[in-house]
Structure formats: structure tokens, C-alpha cells
N, C-alpha and C. Protein backbone atom coordinates (compact mmCIF):
# COMPACT_ATOMS: atom_id res chain seq x y z
N MET A 1 -3.96 8.57 12.17
CA MET A 1 -4.57 8.07 10.97
C MET A 1 -4.05 8.89 9.78
N THR A 2 -3.87 8.21 8.64
CA THR A 2 -3.39 8.86 7.43
C THR A 2 -4.40 8.63 6.32
N ARG A 3 -4.76 9.71 5.61
CA ARG A 3 -5.69 9.58 4.50
C ARG A 3 -4.92 9.10 3.27
N VAL A 4 -5.46 8.08 2.61
CA VAL A 4 -4.82 7.49 1.43
C VAL A 4 -5.91 7.17 0.40
N THR A 5 -5.47 6.80 -0.79
CA THR A 5 -6.37 6.33 -1.83
C THR A 5 -6.17 4.83 -1.97
N CYS A 6 -7.26 4.08 -1.91
CA CYS A 6 -7.21 2.62 -2.02
C CYS A 6 -6.65 2.23 -3.39
N ALA A 7 -5.69 1.33 -3.41
CA ALA A 7 -5.06 0.87 -4.64
C ALA A 7 -6.00 0.00 -5.48
N SER A 8 -7.07 -0.48 -4.87
CA SER A 8 -7.99 -1.36 -5.59
C SER A 8 -9.20 -0.60 -6.14
N CYS A 9 -9.94 0.07 -5.27
CA CYS A 9 -11.19 0.72 -5.70
C CYS A 9 -11.04 2.21 -5.97
N GLY A 10 -9.95 2.83 -5.50
CA GLY A 10 -9.72 4.25 -5.73
C GLY A 10 -10.40 5.18 -4.75
N ASP A 11 -11.14 4.63 -3.77
CA ASP A 11 -11.80 5.45 -2.77
C ASP A 11 -10.79 6.01 -1.78
N ARG A 12 -11.10 7.19 -1.22
CA ARG A 12 -10.27 7.76 -0.17
C ARG A 12 -10.63 7.07 1.14
N CYS A 13 -9.63 6.79 1.95
CA CYS A 13 -9.88 6.14 3.23
C CYS A 13 -8.76 6.54 4.19
N GLU A 14 -8.89 6.12 5.44
CA GLU A 14 -7.86 6.38 6.44
C GLU A 14 -7.26 5.06 6.90
N VAL A 15 -5.95 5.06 7.08
CA VAL A 15 -5.25 3.89 7.59
C VAL A 15 -4.49 4.30 8.85
N PRO A 16 -4.27 3.36 9.78
CA PRO A 16 -3.63 3.71 11.05
C PRO A 16 -2.10 3.73 10.97
N PHE A 17 -1.55 4.06 9.80
CA PHE A 17 -0.10 4.12 9.64
C PHE A 17 0.21 5.06 8.49
N ARG A 18 1.45 5.47 8.36
CA ARG A 18 1.89 6.29 7.24
C ARG A 18 2.64 5.37 6.27
N PRO A 19 2.08 5.14 5.10
CA PRO A 19 2.75 4.25 4.13
C PRO A 19 4.15 4.77 3.80
N THR A 20 5.12 3.85 3.80
CA THR A 20 6.50 4.27 3.54
C THR A 20 7.17 3.48 2.43
N THR A 21 6.45 2.55 1.81
CA THR A 21 7.04 1.76 0.73
C THR A 21 6.16 1.86 -0.50
N ASN A 22 6.59 1.19 -1.57
CA ASN A 22 5.79 1.22 -2.79
C ASN A 22 4.73 0.12 -2.80
N LYS A 23 4.45 -0.46 -1.65
CA LYS A 23 3.40 -1.46 -1.57
C LYS A 23 2.04 -0.77 -1.62
N PRO A 24 1.08 -1.38 -2.29
CA PRO A 24 -0.25 -0.77 -2.36
C PRO A 24 -0.93 -0.74 -1.00
N VAL A 25 -1.79 0.26 -0.80
CA VAL A 25 -2.56 0.40 0.42
C VAL A 25 -4.03 0.25 0.05
N TYR A 26 -4.77 -0.53 0.84
CA TYR A 26 -6.16 -0.83 0.53
C TYR A 26 -7.09 -0.31 1.62
N CYS A 27 -8.33 0.01 1.23
CA CYS A 27 -9.35 0.34 2.21
C CYS A 27 -9.73 -0.95 2.94
N LYS A 28 -10.51 -0.79 4.00
CA LYS A 28 -10.87 -1.94 4.83
C LYS A 28 -11.58 -3.03 4.02
N ASP A 29 -12.53 -2.64 3.17
CA ASP A 29 -13.28 -3.61 2.38
C ASP A 29 -12.39 -4.35 1.38
N CYS A 30 -11.58 -3.60 0.63
CA CYS A 30 -10.71 -4.23 -0.38
C CYS A 30 -9.62 -5.08 0.27
N PHE A 31 -9.12 -4.63 1.43
CA PHE A 31 -8.11 -5.42 2.13
C PHE A 31 -8.68 -6.78 2.53
N GLY A 32 -9.92 -6.77 3.02
CA GLY A 32 -10.57 -8.03 3.39
C GLY A 32 -10.75 -8.94 2.20
N LYS A 33 -11.16 -8.37 1.07
CA LYS A 33 -11.33 -9.18 -0.15
C LYS A 33 -10.00 -9.72 -0.63
N LYS A 34 -8.96 -8.87 -0.60
CA LYS A 34 -7.62 -9.28 -1.05
C LYS A 34 -7.09 -10.39 -0.15
N ASP A 35 -7.28 -10.24 1.16
CA ASP A 35 -6.80 -11.23 2.12
C ASP A 35 -7.47 -12.58 1.88
N ASP A 36 -8.78 -12.57 1.67
CA ASP A 36 -9.51 -13.81 1.38
C ASP A 36 -9.03 -14.44 0.09
N SER A 37 -8.82 -13.61 -0.94
CA SER A 37 -8.37 -14.10 -2.24
C SER A 37 -6.97 -14.71 -2.14
N ASN A 38 -6.08 -14.05 -1.38
CA ASN A 38 -4.72 -14.57 -1.22
C ASN A 38 -4.73 -15.92 -0.51
N ARG A 39 -5.60 -16.06 0.49
CA ARG A 39 -5.69 -17.34 1.19
C ARG A 39 -6.12 -18.45 0.24
N ARG A 40 -7.13 -18.17 -0.57
CA ARG A 40 -7.60 -19.18 -1.53
C ARG A 40 -6.51 -19.52 -2.54
N ASP A 41 -5.82 -18.49 -3.07
CA ASP A 41 -4.76 -18.73 -4.05
C ASP A 41 -3.61 -19.52 -3.44
N SER A 42 -3.23 -19.19 -2.21
CA SER A 42 -2.14 -19.90 -1.53
C SER A 42 -2.50 -21.37 -1.34
N ASN A 43 -3.74 -21.62 -1.00
CA ASN A 43 -4.16 -23.00 -0.81
C ASN A 43 -4.10 -23.78 -2.12
N ARG A 44 -4.41 -23.14 -3.22
CA ARG A 44 -4.35 -23.81 -4.52
C ARG A 44 -2.92 -24.09 -4.96
N ARG A 45 -2.01 -23.15 -4.72
CA ARG A 45 -0.63 -23.28 -5.19
C ARG A 45 0.29 -23.91 -4.16
N GLY A 46 -0.15 -24.10 -2.98
CA GLY A 46 0.74 -24.53 -1.90
C GLY A 46 1.37 -23.30 -1.29
N SER A 47 2.57 -23.42 -0.77
CA SER A 47 3.19 -22.29 -0.08
C SER A 47 4.17 -21.53 -0.97
N ARG A 48 4.08 -21.70 -2.28
CA ARG A 48 4.98 -21.00 -3.20
C ARG A 48 4.82 -19.50 -3.09
N ASP A 49 5.90 -18.77 -3.10
CA ASP A 49 5.88 -17.32 -2.94
C ASP A 49 5.93 -16.65 -4.30
N ASN A 50 5.10 -15.62 -4.50
CA ASN A 50 5.06 -14.89 -5.77
C ASN A 50 5.79 -13.56 -5.71
N SER A 51 6.59 -13.32 -4.69
CA SER A 51 7.19 -12.00 -4.50
C SER A 51 8.10 -11.62 -5.67
N ASP A 52 8.72 -12.54 -6.36
CA ASP A 52 9.61 -12.19 -7.47
C ASP A 52 8.82 -11.73 -8.68
N ARG A 53 7.51 -11.96 -8.73
CA ARG A 53 6.67 -11.46 -9.82
C ARG A 53 6.48 -9.96 -9.71
N HIS A 54 6.58 -9.43 -8.50
CA HIS A 54 6.35 -8.02 -8.24
C HIS A 54 7.67 -7.35 -7.89
N GLN A 55 8.49 -7.11 -8.90
CA GLN A 55 9.80 -6.51 -8.65
C GLN A 55 9.64 -5.02 -8.36
N ASN A 56 10.48 -4.50 -7.46
CA ASN A 56 10.43 -3.09 -7.11
C ASN A 56 10.88 -2.25 -8.30
N LYS A 57 10.10 -1.20 -8.61
CA LYS A 57 10.46 -0.28 -9.68
C LYS A 57 11.36 0.83 -9.16
N TYR A 58 11.28 1.11 -7.85
CA TYR A 58 11.97 2.25 -7.29
C TYR A 58 12.99 1.80 -6.25
N SER A 59 14.08 2.55 -6.17
CA SER A 59 15.10 2.27 -5.16
C SER A 59 14.63 2.83 -3.82
N GLU A 60 15.26 2.41 -2.75
CA GLU A 60 14.92 2.93 -1.43
C GLU A 60 15.13 4.45 -1.38
N ARG A 61 16.16 4.94 -2.03
CA ARG A 61 16.43 6.39 -2.05
C ARG A 61 15.29 7.12 -2.76
N ASP A 62 14.81 6.58 -3.90
CA ASP A 62 13.68 7.19 -4.60
C ASP A 62 12.47 7.30 -3.68
N LEU A 63 12.20 6.22 -2.95
CA LEU A 63 11.05 6.21 -2.05
C LEU A 63 11.23 7.20 -0.90
N ASP A 64 12.45 7.33 -0.40
CA ASP A 64 12.71 8.30 0.66
C ASP A 64 12.43 9.72 0.16
N ILE A 65 12.85 10.02 -1.06
CA ILE A 65 12.63 11.35 -1.64
C ILE A 65 11.13 11.60 -1.81
N ILE A 66 10.42 10.62 -2.33
CA ILE A 66 8.97 10.75 -2.52
C ILE A 66 8.28 10.97 -1.19
N ASN A 67 8.65 10.18 -0.18
CA ASN A 67 8.03 10.32 1.14
C ASN A 67 8.32 11.67 1.77
N GLU A 68 9.54 12.18 1.60
CA GLU A 68 9.87 13.51 2.12
C GLU A 68 8.96 14.56 1.49
N LYS A 69 8.78 14.47 0.17
CA LYS A 69 7.93 15.43 -0.53
C LYS A 69 6.47 15.30 -0.08
N LEU A 70 6.00 14.07 0.06
CA LEU A 70 4.62 13.87 0.51
C LEU A 70 4.42 14.41 1.92
N ASN A 71 5.39 14.20 2.78
CA ASN A 71 5.30 14.73 4.15
C ASN A 71 5.22 16.25 4.14
N LYS A 72 5.99 16.91 3.26
CA LYS A 72 5.95 18.38 3.17
C LYS A 72 4.59 18.83 2.66
N ILE A 73 4.03 18.11 1.68
CA ILE A 73 2.71 18.45 1.15
C ILE A 73 1.66 18.29 2.23
N MET A 74 1.72 17.16 2.95
CA MET A 74 0.75 16.91 4.02
C MET A 74 0.85 17.99 5.09
N LYS A 75 2.07 18.39 5.44
CA LYS A 75 2.24 19.43 6.45
C LYS A 75 1.68 20.75 5.94
N ALA A 76 1.93 21.07 4.67
CA ALA A 76 1.42 22.31 4.10
C ALA A 76 -0.10 22.33 4.06
N LEU A 77 -0.70 21.17 3.84
CA LEU A 77 -2.16 21.06 3.78
C LEU A 77 -2.75 20.81 5.16
N ASP A 78 -1.90 20.73 6.17
CA ASP A 78 -2.32 20.47 7.54
C ASP A 78 -3.07 19.14 7.66
N ILE A 79 -2.52 18.10 7.01
CA ILE A 79 -3.08 16.75 7.09
C ILE A 79 -2.23 15.98 8.09
N HIS A 80 -2.88 15.34 9.04
CA HIS A 80 -2.14 14.60 10.07
C HIS A 80 -2.30 13.14 9.86
């Protein structure tokens, strides 16, 4: 489990994976709300994809550097 901050409500929570991309991570409650909202929105718009609205700000190399630093911080703080 990895401790993270929910991108929606800002609460600290644990997720069963180590985030490795710039995608937001949600707590269990917000993830459920987001999932329900996405289903409703998809039904209204059809199957159109909105992924081009959310362009990546960071390159893969930038994310690798950030993740390396976060891993060192987590190790120093003894967070598993």
C-alpha cells in the first residue's frame, strides 16, 4: 500500500499501487463518485473520448526523475 493525497478532496489515503504517471489518484470515496460521474457523462455524449482535453504537461523523463526523487524521500521517511 502507498500513502497518497486524493486529487479531489485532498485527504490522505492508501492505494494498492505506487503511482507512476501524472494521472490523478483518488481516495475510495472520490474514485466511486468520479466513476459514477464518468459513466453518466459517457452516456450523455456517446462513446466520444476526451483524452485530448487533458494533454500531458510533463515528459516521461520528467516523470521518471520525479518518481526517483519521491522514492528516495519515501525510503528516507521509511514509508512503504
